[in-house]
Amino acid sequence: MKISQRHAWTLSVEEAIAIQEQMQAEVITSDQLQQPVQYVAGVDMGFEADGTISRAAVAVLSFPELELQETSLARRPTSFPYIPGFLSFREIPAVLDALEKIKITPDLILCDGQGIAHPRRFGIACHLGVIVNIPSIGVAKSLLVGKHEELPDTRGSWQPLIHKGEIVGAVLRTRVGVKPVYVSSGHRISLPTAIDYVLRCTPKYRLPETTRIADKLASDR
């Protein structure tokens, strides 16, 4: 993939906030997917040398078969500290390096993190989706913002995630008897469509196959 860098990555928190607020205006939360979706990708991160080196992994799977087609890894020095709400500035530089190595351009990217379910409506799935202009979904393991009603213990059940009076995502049960995931639109996809694709990418376990494979690569497990 050929990727254009939109801004610098060594920034102050104030500069990062300004970028989030500026680029958030470009986020599209309606469906603009290439049909049919043939390839889905997962991106995930690991860290080496006490967090000083970022290790990004990309896994591209066929859809709907979810068969692994291609992977890539990239390492680079970590240039931004760990601060909740600013995950993208810490992780995306290495993710972009890994994406540049793949030959198959995915039709949809699932990120291990938030989309618009974010204090400034610009989580890592939004940031990455806008930069590469590919539909993206945030599939987070934990809650960042918002509240929701109790969720039935049935696969496919979900409840709206509400923050400041706005539906910003969904808490989704992907497997009976395990914790739910938090799904939100990243870019060029609506919440109902995002929920549908997350379920179709999660046939057996709590997390999507895209995330599971990318996590193993990023963590060297």
Protein backbone atom coordinates (compact mmCIF):
# COMPACT_ATOMS: atom_id res chain seq x y z
CA MET A 1 0.00 0.00 0.00
CA LYS A 2 1.09 3.54 -0.71
CA ILE A 3 0.36 5.82 2.24
CA SER A 4 0.61 9.59 2.55
CA GLN A 5 1.64 10.93 5.94
CA ARG A 6 -0.79 13.58 7.15
CA HIS A 7 1.19 15.06 10.02
CA ALA A 8 4.19 14.62 12.29
CA TRP A 9 4.07 12.03 15.08
CA THR A 10 6.41 13.60 17.62
CA LEU A 11 3.97 16.01 19.23
CA SER A 12 2.85 17.60 22.45
CA VAL A 13 -0.51 16.60 23.93
CA GLU A 14 -1.87 20.00 22.93
CA GLU A 15 -0.78 19.48 19.33
CA ALA A 16 -2.28 15.98 19.33
CA ILE A 17 -5.63 17.33 20.55
CA ALA A 18 -5.61 19.93 17.78
CA ILE A 19 -4.99 17.21 15.17
CA GLN A 20 -7.80 15.04 16.57
CA GLU A 21 -10.24 17.94 16.51
CA GLN A 22 -9.24 18.94 12.98
CA MET A 23 -9.26 15.45 11.44
CA GLN A 24 -12.44 14.38 13.22
CA ALA A 25 -14.36 16.54 10.75
CA GLU A 26 -13.28 14.10 8.01
CA VAL A 27 -14.74 11.01 9.71
CA ILE A 28 -17.65 9.42 7.82
CA THR A 29 -20.04 7.23 9.81
CA SER A 30 -22.18 6.08 6.90
CA ASP A 31 -21.51 3.04 4.72
CA GLN A 32 -18.97 3.59 1.96
CA LEU A 33 -17.59 0.08 1.61
CA GLN A 34 -16.32 -1.48 -1.56
CA GLN A 35 -18.73 -4.32 -2.38
CA PRO A 36 -18.34 -7.16 -2.11
CA VAL A 37 -15.85 -7.09 0.76
CA GLN A 38 -13.18 -9.61 -0.20
CA TYR A 39 -10.40 -8.88 2.27
CA VAL A 40 -10.48 -7.82 5.91
CA ALA A 41 -7.41 -6.80 7.89
CA GLY A 42 -6.53 -6.67 11.54
CA VAL A 43 -3.87 -4.44 13.03
CA ASP A 44 -2.34 -4.79 16.47
CA MET A 45 0.68 -3.65 18.45
CA GLY A 46 3.34 -5.01 20.72
CA PHE A 47 6.29 -3.28 22.33
CA GLU A 48 9.90 -4.27 22.81
CA ALA A 49 12.83 -2.97 24.85
CA ASP A 50 10.70 -1.67 27.73
CA GLY A 51 8.31 0.06 25.35
CA THR A 52 10.93 2.01 23.44
CA ILE A 53 10.36 0.00 20.25
CA SER A 54 6.90 -0.34 18.66
CA ARG A 55 6.15 -3.60 16.87
CA ALA A 56 3.13 -3.44 14.56
CA ALA A 57 1.45 -6.36 12.84
CA VAL A 58 -1.05 -6.53 10.00
CA ALA A 59 -2.98 -9.66 9.08
CA VAL A 60 -5.06 -9.77 5.89
CA LEU A 61 -7.77 -12.45 5.69
CA SER A 62 -10.15 -13.44 2.94
CA PHE A 63 -13.79 -12.65 3.58
CA PRO A 64 -16.08 -14.34 4.41
CA GLU A 65 -13.84 -17.42 4.65
CA LEU A 66 -11.43 -15.74 7.13
CA GLU A 67 -8.45 -17.55 5.67
CA LEU A 68 -5.08 -15.89 6.20
CA GLN A 69 -3.72 -14.35 2.99
CA GLU A 70 -0.86 -12.08 4.03
CA THR A 71 0.94 -10.70 7.07
CA SER A 72 3.51 -7.99 7.72
CA LEU A 73 5.52 -6.69 10.64
CA ALA A 74 7.22 -3.37 11.22
CA ARG A 75 9.30 -1.94 14.03
CA ARG A 76 10.21 1.65 14.82
CA PRO A 77 11.18 3.71 17.88
CA THR A 78 8.17 4.66 20.01
CA SER A 79 7.69 8.42 19.73
CA PHE A 80 4.65 9.13 21.93
CA PRO A 81 3.95 8.12 25.55
CA TYR A 82 1.05 5.97 26.70
CA ILE A 83 -1.80 8.38 27.48
CA PRO A 84 -5.45 7.23 27.40
CA GLY A 85 -7.29 8.92 24.54
CA PHE A 86 -4.10 9.29 22.47
CA LEU A 87 -3.42 5.67 21.56
CA SER A 88 -3.24 6.42 17.85
CA PHE A 89 -0.25 8.74 18.19
CA ARG A 90 1.69 5.99 19.93
CA GLU A 91 0.70 3.12 17.65
CA ILE A 92 -0.19 4.34 14.15
CA PRO A 93 3.34 5.24 12.94
CA ALA A 94 4.46 1.60 13.10
CA VAL A 95 1.07 0.39 11.82
CA LEU A 96 1.48 2.56 8.72
CA ASP A 97 4.95 1.06 8.18
CA ALA A 98 3.43 -2.42 8.34
CA LEU A 99 0.57 -1.50 6.00
CA GLU A 100 3.00 -0.15 3.44
CA LYS A 101 4.53 -3.63 3.19
CA ILE A 102 1.36 -5.51 2.26
CA LYS A 103 0.43 -6.24 -1.34
CA ILE A 104 -3.30 -6.87 -0.79
CA THR A 105 -5.24 -3.71 -0.03
CA PRO A 106 -7.98 -4.65 2.44
CA ASP A 107 -11.58 -3.55 1.96
CA LEU A 108 -12.07 -3.20 5.72
CA ILE A 109 -9.73 -2.78 8.71
CA LEU A 110 -10.60 -3.89 12.24
CA CYS A 111 -8.58 -2.08 14.90
CA ASP A 112 -7.86 -3.24 18.43
CA GLY A 113 -9.11 0.02 19.95
CA GLN A 114 -11.81 2.66 19.73
CA GLY A 115 -13.47 4.38 16.80
CA ILE A 116 -15.77 7.29 17.62
CA ALA A 117 -16.35 5.91 21.15
CA HIS A 118 -13.71 8.38 22.26
CA PRO A 119 -13.77 11.68 24.20
CA ARG A 120 -13.14 13.65 21.00
CA ARG A 121 -14.83 11.09 18.70
CA PHE A 122 -11.47 10.26 17.12
CA GLY A 123 -10.03 6.99 18.34
CA ILE A 124 -7.36 4.93 16.61
CA ALA A 125 -9.81 3.34 14.14
CA CYS A 126 -10.94 6.81 12.99
CA HIS A 127 -7.39 8.14 12.77
CA LEU A 128 -6.12 5.17 10.77
CA GLY A 129 -9.21 5.00 8.56
CA VAL A 130 -8.98 8.67 7.61
CA ILE A 131 -5.25 8.48 6.85
CA VAL A 132 -5.47 5.41 4.60
CA ASN A 133 -9.05 6.15 3.40
CA ILE A 134 -10.24 2.61 4.05
CA PRO A 135 -13.40 1.65 5.99
CA SER A 136 -12.43 0.87 9.56
CA ILE A 137 -14.00 -0.39 12.78
CA GLY A 138 -12.93 0.00 16.38
CA VAL A 139 -13.23 -3.27 18.32
CA ALA A 140 -12.00 -2.56 21.83
CA LYS A 141 -11.61 -4.95 24.73
CA SER A 142 -12.39 -2.30 27.35
CA LEU A 143 -14.65 0.69 27.78
CA LEU A 144 -13.19 4.17 27.29
CA VAL A 145 -16.29 6.39 27.39
CA GLY A 146 -20.03 5.91 27.69
CA LYS A 147 -22.60 3.86 29.54
CA HIS A 148 -24.92 1.03 28.49
CA GLU A 149 -27.75 -1.14 29.72
CA GLU A 150 -27.18 -4.68 30.92
CA LEU A 151 -26.33 -7.07 28.12
CA PRO A 152 -27.98 -10.50 27.69
CA ASP A 153 -25.62 -13.49 27.65
CA THR A 154 -26.52 -14.38 24.06
CA ARG A 155 -24.15 -14.26 21.11
CA GLY A 156 -25.06 -11.31 18.89
CA SER A 157 -26.87 -9.36 21.58
CA TRP A 158 -25.85 -5.73 21.93
CA GLN A 159 -26.75 -2.50 23.65
CA PRO A 160 -26.09 1.10 22.53
CA LEU A 161 -23.08 2.77 24.09
CA ILE A 162 -24.14 6.29 25.04
CA HIS A 163 -21.84 9.21 25.84
CA LYS A 164 -23.07 12.74 26.46
CA GLY A 165 -26.48 11.86 25.06
CA GLU A 166 -25.07 10.45 21.81
CA ILE A 167 -24.85 6.84 20.61
CA VAL A 168 -21.13 6.39 19.99
CA GLY A 169 -20.96 2.62 19.68
CA ALA A 170 -22.27 -0.70 20.91
CA VAL A 171 -21.37 -3.18 23.59
CA LEU A 172 -21.54 -6.51 21.75
CA ARG A 173 -21.63 -10.09 22.94
CA THR A 174 -19.53 -12.15 20.53
CA ARG A 175 -19.47 -15.31 22.63
CA VAL A 176 -21.61 -16.69 25.42
CA GLY A 177 -20.03 -16.61 28.84
CA VAL A 178 -17.23 -14.14 28.11
CA LYS A 179 -16.86 -10.39 28.39
CA PRO A 180 -18.31 -8.32 25.52
CA VAL A 181 -16.38 -6.10 23.12
CA TYR A 182 -16.95 -2.43 22.41
CA VAL A 183 -17.64 -1.69 18.75
CA SER A 184 -17.70 1.74 17.16
CA SER A 185 -17.48 3.21 13.68
CA GLY A 186 -14.00 4.20 12.62
CA HIS A 187 -14.43 5.60 9.11
CA ARG A 188 -16.74 4.99 6.15
CA ILE A 189 -18.98 2.52 7.99
CA SER A 190 -22.18 2.77 10.04
CA LEU A 191 -22.62 1.21 13.46
CA PRO A 192 -25.14 -1.47 12.36
CA THR A 193 -22.84 -2.54 9.52
CA ALA A 194 -19.84 -2.51 11.85
CA ILE A 195 -21.65 -4.81 14.29
CA ASP A 196 -22.52 -7.18 11.45
CA TYR A 197 -18.94 -7.42 10.20
CA VAL A 198 -17.51 -7.86 13.69
CA LEU A 199 -19.85 -10.81 14.30
CA ARG A 200 -19.01 -12.34 10.93
CA CYS A 201 -15.30 -12.01 11.74
CA THR A 202 -15.79 -13.59 15.18
CA PRO A 203 -17.01 -17.15 14.54
CA LYS A 204 -15.45 -18.89 17.58
CA TYR A 205 -13.81 -16.62 20.10
CA ARG A 206 -14.36 -13.31 21.86
CA LEU A 207 -12.20 -11.31 19.45
CA PRO A 208 -12.28 -11.16 15.64
CA GLU A 209 -9.95 -13.55 13.81
CA THR A 210 -8.23 -10.50 12.31
CA THR A 211 -7.33 -9.24 15.79
CA ARG A 212 -6.34 -12.65 17.13
CA ILE A 213 -3.86 -13.29 14.32
CA ALA A 214 -2.43 -9.77 14.36
CA ASP A 215 -2.07 -9.95 18.15
CA LYS A 216 -0.06 -13.17 17.95
CA LEU A 217 2.25 -11.60 15.38
CA ALA A 218 2.65 -8.37 17.32
CA SER A 219 3.27 -10.20 20.58
CA ASP A 220 5.52 -12.88 19.04
CA ARG A 221 3.44 -15.66 20.60
